């Protein structure tokens, strides 16, 4: 199947690359024509939207040429290692547990999205410790080796690599990675946001800001409570 953004998808209802809804009746009959022209990722050869700053499939940075976090530059080994060490988990600059992200199902946000899939029952938030300076927001894909730090897999309106939450130690920023449905930021008091943040530039979060993604997901970054810090030791 081919999604509205030109990605090849194994799933027939939602694109397994960007999460966009696929209309099976809009598929070309008997055609194997490739996806619409765009910029091809030199790392994984996925065709992306012409204006994309990052590869939707692997995260390659089209602006700087930086490889995705989980990838390593290909170099010719000078000599085989004496013994192969077991593969270590991804290591990123870490910080003490001072911050957490609360991931909510927000009925008010869902009501304005006109999503086709039913919303899960709202309940207590999922609390995600933020011990990395850069945290990926998205949906898991084992086939593409995408394991987001803030996992929104249940919300199909969230792209695989949707947004990035980063910190300088005192401030937090959100960056949209060229998601299909956008990333929205709004204060706790006031109406829900209607305009997404720009793709690429980082947007600083105020202390009472909420981040909205997908069909029902609301993310709140806050300082960890003393008991949460104690549990992390």
Protein backbone atom coordinates (compact mmCIF):
# COMPACT_ATOMS: atom_id res chain seq x y z
CA UNK A 1 0.00 0.00 0.00
CA UNK A 2 1.05 3.62 -0.58
CA UNK A 3 0.13 6.27 2.02
CA UNK A 4 -0.90 9.86 1.14
CA UNK A 5 2.68 10.97 1.78
CA UNK A 6 4.14 8.44 -0.64
CA UNK A 7 5.51 5.85 1.81
CA UNK A 8 5.32 2.14 1.05
CA UNK A 9 3.38 0.44 3.88
CA UNK A 10 2.79 -3.18 4.81
CA UNK A 11 -0.26 -2.16 6.84
CA UNK A 12 -3.43 -1.40 4.91
CA UNK A 13 -5.11 1.01 7.38
CA UNK A 14 -2.35 3.29 8.70
CA UNK A 15 1.11 3.93 7.23
CA UNK A 16 3.70 2.02 9.24
CA UNK A 17 6.21 4.81 8.50
CA UNK A 18 4.36 8.06 9.31
CA UNK A 19 1.01 6.96 10.75
CA UNK A 20 -1.11 8.60 8.05
CA UNK A 21 -4.50 7.04 7.27
CA UNK A 22 -4.50 4.94 4.09
CA UNK A 23 -7.54 4.92 1.82
CA UNK A 24 -7.53 1.52 0.04
CA UNK A 25 -9.94 2.86 -2.59
CA UNK A 26 -7.40 5.51 -3.57
CA UNK A 27 -4.71 2.95 -4.41
CA UNK A 28 -3.75 2.66 -8.11
CA UNK A 29 -5.19 -0.56 -9.57
CA UNK A 30 -2.60 -2.94 -10.95
CA UNK A 31 0.15 -0.38 -10.62
CA UNK A 32 3.53 -0.88 -9.05
CA UNK A 33 4.61 2.71 -9.67
CA UNK A 34 7.03 3.98 -7.08
CA UNK A 35 6.03 6.59 -4.51
CA UNK A 36 5.85 10.25 -5.60
CA UNK A 37 9.12 12.00 -6.12
CA UNK A 38 10.82 13.38 -3.03
CA UNK A 39 14.22 13.31 -1.45
CA UNK A 40 15.74 9.88 -1.00
CA UNK A 41 17.54 9.14 2.25
CA UNK A 42 21.16 8.23 1.50
CA UNK A 43 21.25 6.08 4.64
CA UNK A 44 18.20 3.82 4.20
CA UNK A 45 16.97 4.79 0.68
CA UNK A 46 13.48 5.70 1.93
CA UNK A 47 11.72 8.37 -0.16
CA UNK A 48 10.68 11.32 2.02
CA UNK A 49 8.65 14.45 1.43
CA UNK A 50 10.66 17.08 -0.48
CA UNK A 51 10.57 19.49 2.49
CA UNK A 52 11.44 16.89 5.19
CA UNK A 53 14.39 17.80 7.42
CA UNK A 54 14.76 14.26 8.80
CA UNK A 55 14.20 10.85 7.22
CA UNK A 56 10.88 9.53 8.54
CA UNK A 57 12.19 5.96 8.54
CA UNK A 58 15.64 6.20 10.13
CA UNK A 59 16.07 9.80 11.32
CA UNK A 60 18.86 10.81 8.94
CA UNK A 61 19.37 14.60 9.13
CA UNK A 62 19.14 16.03 5.59
CA UNK A 63 20.47 19.41 6.76
CA UNK A 64 23.66 18.33 8.54
CA UNK A 65 24.15 14.87 7.08
CA UNK A 66 24.20 13.35 10.58
CA UNK A 67 23.33 9.67 10.86
CA UNK A 68 20.51 8.55 13.18
CA UNK A 69 21.41 8.00 16.82
CA UNK A 70 21.41 4.23 16.60
CA UNK A 71 23.61 4.10 13.49
CA UNK A 72 27.38 4.19 13.28
CA UNK A 73 29.53 5.40 10.36
CA UNK A 74 30.67 2.60 8.09
CA UNK A 75 34.44 2.26 8.22
CA UNK A 76 36.78 -0.43 7.05
CA UNK A 77 38.24 -2.26 10.06
CA UNK A 78 42.01 -2.23 10.24
CA UNK A 79 42.13 -5.57 12.00
CA UNK A 80 39.56 -8.01 13.43
CA UNK A 81 39.01 -7.60 17.18
CA UNK A 82 40.55 -10.13 19.47
CA UNK A 83 37.15 -10.95 20.95
CA UNK A 84 33.74 -9.67 20.02
CA UNK A 85 32.20 -7.79 22.93
CA UNK A 86 28.45 -8.11 23.45
CA UNK A 87 26.42 -5.29 21.97
CA UNK A 88 25.72 -2.58 24.53
CA UNK A 89 22.49 -0.60 24.83
CA UNK A 90 22.34 2.82 23.20
CA UNK A 91 24.24 5.31 25.34
CA UNK A 92 23.33 8.99 25.32
CA UNK A 93 24.37 11.89 27.55
CA UNK A 94 22.46 11.38 30.78
CA UNK A 95 21.37 13.62 33.62
CA UNK A 96 20.28 12.87 37.21
CA UNK A 97 16.59 12.14 37.58
CA UNK A 98 15.29 15.67 38.02
CA UNK A 99 12.61 15.57 35.33
CA UNK A 100 9.81 13.26 34.23
CA UNK A 101 7.28 13.30 31.41
CA UNK A 102 3.63 12.55 32.13
CA UNK A 103 1.89 10.97 29.13
CA UNK A 104 -1.91 11.36 29.26
CA UNK A 105 -4.91 10.36 27.19
CA UNK A 106 -6.60 13.76 26.75
CA UNK A 107 -10.35 13.60 25.85
CA UNK A 108 -10.47 17.32 24.97
CA UNK A 109 -7.62 16.97 22.48
CA UNK A 110 -9.21 13.83 21.02
CA UNK A 111 -12.53 15.62 20.53
CA UNK A 112 -10.91 18.15 18.22
CA UNK A 113 -8.94 15.69 16.09
CA UNK A 114 -11.83 13.88 14.36
CA UNK A 115 -9.93 10.60 14.67
CA UNK A 116 -11.55 7.42 13.35
CA UNK A 117 -10.15 5.04 15.95
CA UNK A 118 -11.75 4.93 19.41
CA UNK A 119 -9.95 6.69 22.25
CA UNK A 120 -8.60 4.56 25.12
CA UNK A 121 -10.15 5.09 28.53
CA UNK A 122 -8.48 8.06 30.25
CA UNK A 123 -6.80 7.25 33.51
CA UNK A 124 -3.68 8.03 35.46
CA UNK A 125 -0.74 9.25 33.35
CA UNK A 126 2.22 7.12 32.43
CA UNK A 127 5.26 8.69 34.12
CA UNK A 128 8.46 8.42 32.04
CA UNK A 129 11.79 9.32 33.75
CA UNK A 130 13.77 11.78 31.63
CA UNK A 131 17.40 10.85 32.27
CA UNK A 132 18.62 11.62 28.74
CA UNK A 133 19.29 15.08 27.36
CA UNK A 134 17.54 14.11 24.12
CA UNK A 135 14.38 11.97 24.14
CA UNK A 136 12.57 10.64 21.07
CA UNK A 137 8.77 10.81 21.02
CA UNK A 138 7.17 8.30 18.66
CA UNK A 139 5.86 4.82 18.01
CA UNK A 140 7.93 1.65 18.25
CA UNK A 141 8.97 -0.20 15.09
CA UNK A 142 11.04 -3.34 15.60
CA UNK A 143 11.56 -3.76 11.85
CA UNK A 144 13.08 -0.25 11.64
CA UNK A 145 14.88 -0.45 15.01
CA UNK A 146 12.94 2.55 16.33
CA UNK A 147 12.56 2.45 20.11
CA UNK A 148 11.26 5.83 21.30
CA UNK A 149 12.15 7.07 24.77
CA UNK A 150 8.56 8.31 25.14
CA UNK A 151 6.54 5.49 23.62
CA UNK A 152 3.20 6.50 22.07
CA UNK A 153 2.67 3.26 20.15
CA UNK A 154 -1.03 2.98 21.02
CA UNK A 155 -1.79 6.32 19.31
CA UNK A 156 -1.66 5.67 15.56
CA UNK A 157 -1.80 9.42 14.89
CA UNK A 158 1.78 9.65 16.17
CA UNK A 159 4.59 9.13 13.64
CA UNK A 160 7.35 6.58 14.23
CA UNK A 161 9.85 9.41 14.75
CA UNK A 162 7.49 12.22 15.69
CA UNK A 163 9.32 14.73 17.89
CA UNK A 164 12.38 15.25 20.08
CA UNK A 165 12.40 16.57 23.65
CA UNK A 166 15.79 18.03 24.63
CA UNK A 167 17.19 19.92 27.61
CA UNK A 168 20.18 22.08 28.45
CA UNK A 169 19.82 21.07 32.10
CA UNK A 170 17.40 23.84 33.11
CA UNK A 171 15.16 24.40 30.08
CA UNK A 172 13.26 21.96 27.87
CA UNK A 173 12.65 22.23 24.13
CA UNK A 174 10.47 20.32 21.67
CA UNK A 175 11.35 19.80 18.00
CA UNK A 176 9.02 18.33 15.39
CA UNK A 177 10.84 15.79 13.20
CA UNK A 178 8.61 16.20 10.16
CA UNK A 179 5.68 14.27 11.64
CA UNK A 180 2.57 13.53 9.60
CA UNK A 181 0.11 15.23 11.97
CA UNK A 182 2.22 17.90 13.64
CA UNK A 183 3.33 18.77 17.18
CA UNK A 184 1.35 21.32 19.17
CA UNK A 185 2.27 23.31 22.28
CA UNK A 186 -0.13 25.19 24.55
CA UNK A 187 -0.37 26.40 28.16
CA UNK A 188 -2.37 24.60 30.83
CA UNK A 189 -4.75 27.56 31.06
CA UNK A 190 -6.40 28.71 27.87
CA UNK A 191 -7.73 27.11 24.68
CA UNK A 192 -6.09 24.13 23.01
CA UNK A 193 -3.45 25.05 20.39
CA UNK A 194 -4.56 25.06 16.76
CA UNK A 195 -1.25 25.70 14.98
CA UNK A 196 1.63 23.18 15.08
CA UNK A 197 5.18 24.22 15.87
CA UNK A 198 7.48 24.66 12.89
CA UNK A 199 9.33 21.60 11.67
CA UNK A 200 13.03 21.76 12.53
CA UNK A 201 13.55 24.67 14.97
CA UNK A 202 13.39 23.91 18.68
CA UNK A 203 10.53 25.47 20.64
CA UNK A 204 11.22 26.25 24.31
CA UNK A 205 8.62 24.95 26.75
CA UNK A 206 7.33 27.14 29.57
CA UNK A 207 6.75 25.55 32.96
CA UNK A 208 3.00 25.11 32.38
CA UNK A 209 3.14 24.12 28.70
CA UNK A 210 1.60 20.93 27.36
CA UNK A 211 2.76 19.08 24.23
CA UNK A 212 0.01 17.51 22.11
CA UNK A 213 0.67 14.83 19.48
CA UNK A 214 -1.41 12.30 17.59
CA UNK A 215 -5.11 11.72 18.21
CA UNK A 216 -5.21 11.88 22.01
CA UNK A 217 -1.71 12.12 23.51
CA UNK A 218 -0.75 14.97 25.85
CA UNK A 219 2.77 15.18 27.30
CA UNK A 220 3.69 17.28 30.33
CA UNK A 221 7.33 17.78 31.34
CA UNK A 222 7.74 18.50 35.06
CA UNK A 223 10.29 18.17 37.83
CA UNK A 224 10.43 14.77 39.49
CA UNK A 225 8.85 14.49 42.92
CA UNK A 226 11.18 13.49 45.83
CA UNK A 227 9.67 10.00 45.98
CA UNK A 228 10.25 9.55 42.24
CA UNK A 229 13.88 10.57 42.65
CA UNK A 230 14.23 8.15 45.59
CA UNK A 231 12.74 5.29 43.57
CA UNK A 232 15.30 5.83 40.82
CA UNK A 233 18.30 5.31 43.14
